[in-house]
Every structure is written in C-alpha cells, then in structure tokens.
PDB file of N, CA and C in Angstrom:
ATOM      1  N   MET A   1       0.845  -1.181   0.000  1.00  0.00           N
ATOM      2  CA  MET A   1       0.000   0.000   0.000  1.00  0.00           C
ATOM      3  C   MET A   1       0.889   1.242   0.000  1.00  0.00           C
ATOM      4  N   ARG A   2       0.498   2.246  -0.766  1.00  0.00           N
ATOM      5  CA  ARG A   2       1.300   3.454  -0.882  1.00  0.00           C
ATOM      6  C   ARG A   2       1.014   4.410   0.266  1.00  0.00           C
ATOM      7  N   SER A   3       2.043   5.151   0.626  1.00  0.00           N
ATOM      8  CA  SER A   3       1.872   6.161   1.664  1.00  0.00           C
ATOM      9  C   SER A   3       1.144   7.363   1.075  1.00  0.00           C
ATOM     10  N   GLU A   4       0.676   8.246   1.943  1.00  0.00           N
ATOM     11  CA  GLU A   4      -0.025   9.454   1.497  1.00  0.00           C
ATOM     12  C   GLU A   4       0.899  10.324   0.649  1.00  0.00           C
ATOM     13  N   GLU A   5       2.172  10.420   1.055  1.00  0.00           N
ATOM     14  CA  GLU A   5       3.146  11.213   0.285  1.00  0.00           C
ATOM     15  C   GLU A   5       3.348  10.618  -1.100  1.00  0.00           C
ATOM     16  N   SER A   6       3.430   9.303  -1.170  1.00  0.00           N
ATOM     17  CA  SER A   6       3.605   8.619  -2.443  1.00  0.00           C
ATOM     18  C   SER A   6       2.394   8.840  -3.353  1.00  0.00           C
ATOM     19  N   LEU A   7       1.209   8.795  -2.782  1.00  0.00           N
ATOM     20  CA  LEU A   7      -0.008   9.048  -3.571  1.00  0.00           C
ATOM     21  C   LEU A   7      -0.021  10.475  -4.104  1.00  0.00           C
ATOM     22  N   GLY A   8       0.433  11.415  -3.290  1.00  0.00           N
ATOM     23  CA  GLY A   8       0.496  12.810  -3.730  1.00  0.00           C
ATOM     24  C   GLY A   8       1.468  12.988  -4.879  1.00  0.00           C
ATOM     25  N   LYS A   9       2.629  12.339  -4.809  1.00  0.00           N
ATOM     26  CA  LYS A   9       3.611  12.410  -5.895  1.00  0.00           C
ATOM     27  C   LYS A   9       3.038  11.804  -7.165  1.00  0.00           C
ATOM     28  N   HIS A  10       2.370  10.672  -7.019  1.00  0.00           N
ATOM     29  CA  HIS A  10       1.759   9.996  -8.172  1.00  0.00           C
ATOM     30  C   HIS A  10       0.742  10.910  -8.836  1.00  0.00           C
ATOM     31  N   GLN A  11      -0.116  11.531  -8.055  1.00  0.00           N
ATOM     32  CA  GLN A  11      -1.148  12.413  -8.605  1.00  0.00           C
ATOM     33  C   GLN A  11      -0.522  13.618  -9.301  1.00  0.00           C
ATOM     34  N   ARG A  12       0.489  14.232  -8.686  1.00  0.00           N
ATOM     35  CA  ARG A  12       1.152  15.392  -9.299  1.00  0.00           C
ATOM     36  C   ARG A  12       1.824  14.992 -10.610  1.00  0.00           C
ATOM     37  N   LEU A  13       2.451  13.826 -10.625  1.00  0.00           N
ATOM     38  CA  LEU A  13       3.114  13.361 -11.836  1.00  0.00           C
ATOM     39  C   LEU A  13       2.108  13.114 -12.952  1.00  0.00           C
ATOM     40  N   MET A  14       1.015  12.449 -12.644  1.00  0.00           N
ATOM     41  CA  MET A  14       0.007  12.169 -13.665  1.00  0.00           C
ATOM     42  C   MET A  14      -0.616  13.463 -14.191  1.00  0.00           C
ATOM     43  N   GLU A  15      -0.817  14.440 -13.322  1.00  0.00           N
ATOM     44  CA  GLU A  15      -1.339  15.740 -13.762  1.00  0.00           C
ATOM     45  C   GLU A  15      -0.326  16.458 -14.642  1.00  0.00           C
ATOM     46  N   ALA A  16       0.962  16.380 -14.288  1.00  0.00           N
ATOM     47  CA  ALA A  16       2.010  17.046 -15.065  1.00  0.00           C
ATOM     48  C   ALA A  16       2.143  16.430 -16.452  1.00  0.00           C
ATOM     49  N   ILE A  17       1.877  15.147 -16.565  1.00  0.00           N
ATOM     50  CA  ILE A  17       1.967  14.483 -17.866  1.00  0.00           C
ATOM     51  C   ILE A  17       0.842  14.946 -18.777  1.00  0.00           C
ATOM     52  N   GLY A  18      -0.331  15.131 -18.223  1.00  0.00           N
ATOM     53  CA  GLY A  18      -1.456  15.588 -19.035  1.00  0.00           C
ATOM     54  C   GLY A  18      -1.659  14.669 -20.228  1.00  0.00           C
ATOM     55  N   SER A  19      -1.678  15.250 -21.430  1.00  0.00           N
ATOM     56  CA  SER A  19      -1.862  14.437 -22.635  1.00  0.00           C
ATOM     57  C   SER A  19      -0.537  13.927 -23.181  1.00  0.00           C
ATOM     58  N   GLY A  20       0.560  14.264 -22.500  1.00  0.00           N
ATOM     59  CA  GLY A  20       1.882  13.791 -22.890  1.00  0.00           C
ATOM     60  C   GLY A  20       2.926  14.842 -22.569  1.00  0.00           C
ATOM     61  N   ALA A  21       4.114  14.398 -22.211  1.00  0.00           N
ATOM     62  CA  ALA A  21       5.193  15.317 -21.864  1.00  0.00           C
ATOM     63  C   ALA A  21       6.529  14.609 -22.003  1.00  0.00           C
ATOM     64  N   THR A  22       7.555  15.384 -22.301  1.00  0.00           N
ATOM     65  CA  THR A  22       8.895  14.823 -22.357  1.00  0.00           C
ATOM     66  C   THR A  22       9.479  14.767 -20.949  1.00  0.00           C
ATOM     67  N   PHE A  23      10.564  14.030 -20.825  1.00  0.00           N
ATOM     68  CA  PHE A  23      11.241  13.914 -19.540  1.00  0.00           C
ATOM     69  C   PHE A  23      11.657  15.300 -19.043  1.00  0.00           C
ATOM     70  N   ASP A  24      12.239  16.103 -19.930  1.00  0.00           N
ATOM     71  CA  ASP A  24      12.688  17.440 -19.531  1.00  0.00           C
ATOM     72  C   ASP A  24      11.517  18.323 -19.114  1.00  0.00           C
ATOM     73  N   GLN A  25      10.407  18.241 -19.822  1.00  0.00           N
ATOM     74  CA  GLN A  25       9.227  19.019 -19.441  1.00  0.00           C
ATOM     75  C   GLN A  25       8.748  18.629 -18.049  1.00  0.00           C
ATOM     76  N   LEU A  26       8.772  17.338 -17.759  1.00  0.00           N
ATOM     77  CA  LEU A  26       8.325  16.873 -16.442  1.00  0.00           C
ATOM     78  C   LEU A  26       9.248  17.351 -15.332  1.00  0.00           C
ATOM     79  N   VAL A  27      10.554  17.339 -15.578  1.00  0.00           N
ATOM     80  CA  VAL A  27      11.508  17.842 -14.580  1.00  0.00           C
ATOM     81  C   VAL A  27      11.177  19.305 -14.270  1.00  0.00           C
ATOM     82  N   LEU A  28      10.927  20.099 -15.305  1.00  0.00           N
ATOM     83  CA  LEU A  28      10.604  21.514 -15.097  1.00  0.00           C
ATOM     84  C   LEU A  28       9.253  21.696 -14.421  1.00  0.00           C
ATOM     85  N   ARG A  29       8.244  20.988 -14.879  1.00  0.00           N
ATOM     86  CA  ARG A  29       6.895  21.129 -14.309  1.00  0.00           C
ATOM     87  C   ARG A  29       6.838  20.717 -12.847  1.00  0.00           C
ATOM     88  N   LEU A  30       7.556  19.663 -12.507  1.00  0.00           N
ATOM     89  CA  LEU A  30       7.507  19.132 -11.148  1.00  0.00           C
ATOM     90  C   LEU A  30       8.592  19.714 -10.236  1.00  0.00           C
ATOM     91  N   GLN A  31       9.509  20.465 -10.839  1.00  0.00           N
ATOM     92  CA  GLN A  31      10.617  21.070 -10.108  1.00  0.00           C
ATOM     93  C   GLN A  31      11.345  20.020  -9.264  1.00  0.00           C
ATOM     94  N   CYS A  32      11.770  18.963  -9.949  1.00  0.00           N
ATOM     95  CA  CYS A  32      12.500  17.885  -9.286  1.00  0.00           C
ATOM     96  C   CYS A  32      13.750  17.577 -10.101  1.00  0.00           C
ATOM     97  N   THR A  33      14.571  16.715  -9.578  1.00  0.00           N
ATOM     98  CA  THR A  33      15.780  16.323 -10.303  1.00  0.00           C
ATOM     99  C   THR A  33      15.474  15.122 -11.194  1.00  0.00           C
ATOM    100  N   PRO A  34      16.264  14.938 -12.249  1.00  0.00           N
ATOM    101  CA  PRO A  34      16.085  13.745 -13.077  1.00  0.00           C
ATOM    102  C   PRO A  34      16.227  12.456 -12.259  1.00  0.00           C
ATOM    103  N   ALA A  35      17.103  12.463 -11.263  1.00  0.00           N
ATOM    104  CA  ALA A  35      17.295  11.274 -10.427  1.00  0.00           C
ATOM    105  C   ALA A  35      16.065  10.961  -9.584  1.00  0.00           C
ATOM    106  N   GLU A  36      15.288  11.967  -9.232  1.00  0.00           N
ATOM    107  CA  GLU A  36      14.047  11.740  -8.478  1.00  0.00           C
ATOM    108  C   GLU A  36      12.930  11.263  -9.399  1.00  0.00           C
ATOM    109  N   LEU A  37      12.919  11.795 -10.616  1.00  0.00           N
ATOM    110  CA  LEU A  37      11.827  11.512 -11.548  1.00  0.00           C
ATOM    111  C   LEU A  37      11.941  10.137 -12.216  1.00  0.00           C
ATOM    112  N   ALA A  38      13.132   9.761 -12.625  1.00  0.00           N
ATOM    113  CA  ALA A  38      13.321   8.526 -13.400  1.00  0.00           C
ATOM    114  C   ALA A  38      12.729   7.289 -12.728  1.00  0.00           C
ATOM    115  N   PRO A  39      12.984   7.046 -11.430  1.00  0.00           N
ATOM    116  CA  PRO A  39      12.408   5.831 -10.832  1.00  0.00           C
ATOM    117  C   PRO A  39      10.888   5.864 -10.752  1.00  0.00           C
ATOM    118  N   GLN A  40      10.321   7.064 -10.602  1.00  0.00           N
ATOM    119  CA  GLN A  40       8.859   7.169 -10.563  1.00  0.00           C
ATOM    120  C   GLN A  40       8.266   6.792 -11.922  1.00  0.00           C
ATOM    121  N   LEU A  41       8.880   7.296 -12.988  1.00  0.00           N
ATOM    122  CA  LEU A  41       8.394   6.980 -14.330  1.00  0.00           C
ATOM    123  C   LEU A  41       8.546   5.491 -14.638  1.00  0.00           C
ATOM    124  N   LEU A  42       9.676   4.934 -14.254  1.00  0.00           N
ATOM    125  CA  LEU A  42       9.898   3.500 -14.493  1.00  0.00           C
ATOM    126  C   LEU A  42       8.865   2.657 -13.760  1.00  0.00           C
ATOM    127  N   ALA A  43       8.582   3.003 -12.517  1.00  0.00           N
ATOM    128  CA  ALA A  43       7.595   2.244 -11.743  1.00  0.00           C
ATOM    129  C   ALA A  43       6.218   2.314 -12.399  1.00  0.00           C
ATOM    130  N   LEU A  44       5.833   3.495 -12.868  1.00  0.00           N
ATOM    131  CA  LEU A  44       4.528   3.641 -13.523  1.00  0.00           C
ATOM    132  C   LEU A  44       4.490   2.912 -14.857  1.00  0.00           C
ATOM    133  N   GLU A  45       5.612   2.895 -15.562  1.00  0.00           N
ATOM    134  CA  GLU A  45       5.663   2.149 -16.818  1.00  0.00           C
ATOM    135  C   GLU A  45       5.550   0.647 -16.550  1.00  0.00           C
ATOM    136  N   CYS A  46       6.205   0.165 -15.512  1.00  0.00           N
ATOM    137  CA  CYS A  46       6.132  -1.260 -15.165  1.00  0.00           C
ATOM    138  C   CYS A  46       4.717  -1.672 -14.772  1.00  0.00           C
ATOM    139  N   ARG A  47       3.965  -0.738 -14.178  1.00  0.00           N
ATOM    140  CA  ARG A  47       2.568  -1.016 -13.808  1.00  0.00           C
ATOM    141  C   ARG A  47       1.601  -0.700 -14.953  1.00  0.00           C
ATOM    142  N   ARG A  48       2.160  -0.342 -16.093  1.00  0.00           N
ATOM    143  CA  ARG A  48       1.391  -0.034 -17.309  1.00  0.00           C
ATOM    144  C   ARG A  48       0.437   1.143 -17.130  1.00  0.00           C
ATOM    145  N   GLU A  49       0.823   2.080 -16.254  1.00  0.00           N
ATOM    146  CA  GLU A  49       0.046   3.306 -16.087  1.00  0.00           C
ATOM    147  C   GLU A  49       0.549   4.395 -17.022  1.00  0.00           C
ATOM    148  N   LEU A  50       1.772   4.218 -17.562  1.00  0.00           N
ATOM    149  CA  LEU A  50       2.368   5.164 -18.504  1.00  0.00           C
ATOM    150  C   LEU A  50       3.058   4.400 -19.617  1.00  0.00           C
ATOM    151  N   LEU A  51       3.187   5.081 -20.751  1.00  0.00           N
ATOM    152  CA  LEU A  51       3.945   4.548 -21.876  1.00  0.00           C
ATOM    153  C   LEU A  51       5.063   5.522 -22.197  1.00  0.00           C
ATOM    154  N   CYS A  52       6.227   4.983 -22.523  1.00  0.00           N
ATOM    155  CA  CYS A  52       7.348   5.810 -22.953  1.00  0.00           C
ATOM    156  C   CYS A  52       7.508   5.633 -24.455  1.00  0.00           C
ATOM    157  N   GLU A  53       7.457   6.743 -25.168  1.00  0.00           N
ATOM    158  CA  GLU A  53       7.614   6.713 -26.614  1.00  0.00           C
ATOM    159  C   GLU A  53       8.982   7.274 -26.980  1.00  0.00           C
ATOM    160  N   SER A  54       9.324   7.235 -28.240  1.00  0.00           N
ATOM    161  CA  SER A  54      10.636   7.721 -28.668  1.00  0.00           C
ATOM    162  C   SER A  54      10.837   9.171 -28.235  1.00  0.00           C
ATOM    163  N   GLY A  55      12.072   9.500 -27.929  1.00  0.00           N
ATOM    164  CA  GLY A  55      12.396  10.843 -27.475  1.00  0.00           C
ATOM    165  C   GLY A  55      12.075  11.067 -26.013  1.00  0.00           C
ATOM    166  N   LEU A  56      11.939   9.997 -25.249  1.00  0.00           N
ATOM    167  CA  LEU A  56      11.565  10.069 -23.829  1.00  0.00           C
ATOM    168  C   LEU A  56      10.291  10.889 -23.636  1.00  0.00           C
ATOM    169  N   HIS A  57       9.322  10.630 -24.478  1.00  0.00           N
ATOM    170  CA  HIS A  57       8.008  11.273 -24.376  1.00  0.00           C
ATOM    171  C   HIS A  57       7.083  10.311 -23.647  1.00  0.00           C
ATOM    172  N   TRP A  58       6.518  10.774 -22.560  1.00  0.00           N
ATOM    173  CA  TRP A  58       5.659   9.944 -21.717  1.00  0.00           C
ATOM    174  C   TRP A  58       4.207  10.325 -21.925  1.00  0.00           C
ATOM    175  N   ARG A  59       3.346   9.325 -21.929  1.00  0.00           N
ATOM    176  CA  ARG A  59       1.907   9.570 -22.048  1.00  0.00           C
ATOM    177  C   ARG A  59       1.144   8.457 -21.330  1.00  0.00           C
ATOM    178  N   LYS A  60      -0.116   8.754 -21.061  1.00  0.00           N
ATOM    179  CA  LYS A  60      -0.995   7.740 -20.476  1.00  0.00           C
ATOM    180  C   LYS A  60      -1.435   6.805 -21.586  1.00  0.00           C
ATOM    181  N   PRO A  61      -1.595   5.526 -21.293  1.00  0.00           N
ATOM    182  CA  PRO A  61      -2.056   4.595 -22.332  1.00  0.00           C
ATOM    183  C   PRO A  61      -3.484   4.923 -22.757  1.00  0.00           C
ATOM    184  N   ARG A  62      -3.744   4.657 -24.008  1.00  0.00           N
ATOM    185  CA  ARG A  62      -5.110   4.865 -24.505  1.00  0.00           C
ATOM    186  C   ARG A  62      -5.983   3.713 -24.035  1.00  0.00           C
ATOM    187  N   PRO A  63      -7.238   4.011 -23.677  1.00  0.00           N
ATOM    188  CA  PRO A  63      -8.133   2.929 -23.215  1.00  0.00           C
ATOM    189  C   PRO A  63      -8.447   1.924 -24.286  1.00  0.00           C
TER     190      PRO A  63
END
C-alpha cells in the first residue's frame, strides 16, 4: 500500500503528464531532479500506467 506522500507524488506526476510530456518538461513542471523523476516513471511504466515513446516522451495509455 502506498503512503499518502507517495499518492500525492503519483497524482502530481500524472497531472504534469497531461496528454503527454517529455522527460525534460516533467523535470521543469515538477521542479525535481532527473534522479528523483526517473524511478517514478519507471515504476509507472512497469505497472502499465504510462507509456514511454521515442524521445523520452511519456503519455498515459489509450483505453
């Protein structure tokens, strides 16, 4: 089970992605370091909540 802080990070990340965003855009939008962001994106990709496309462009999967 995720902690409240973890849920907040997840929600902020999903909102920052919107209809799609690059890795650099997410770093700027979330005001975090690449080292903080990368494991979050990988975890969401492993759970199939996000897709990574060419150019490190992240988006939510289509239903």
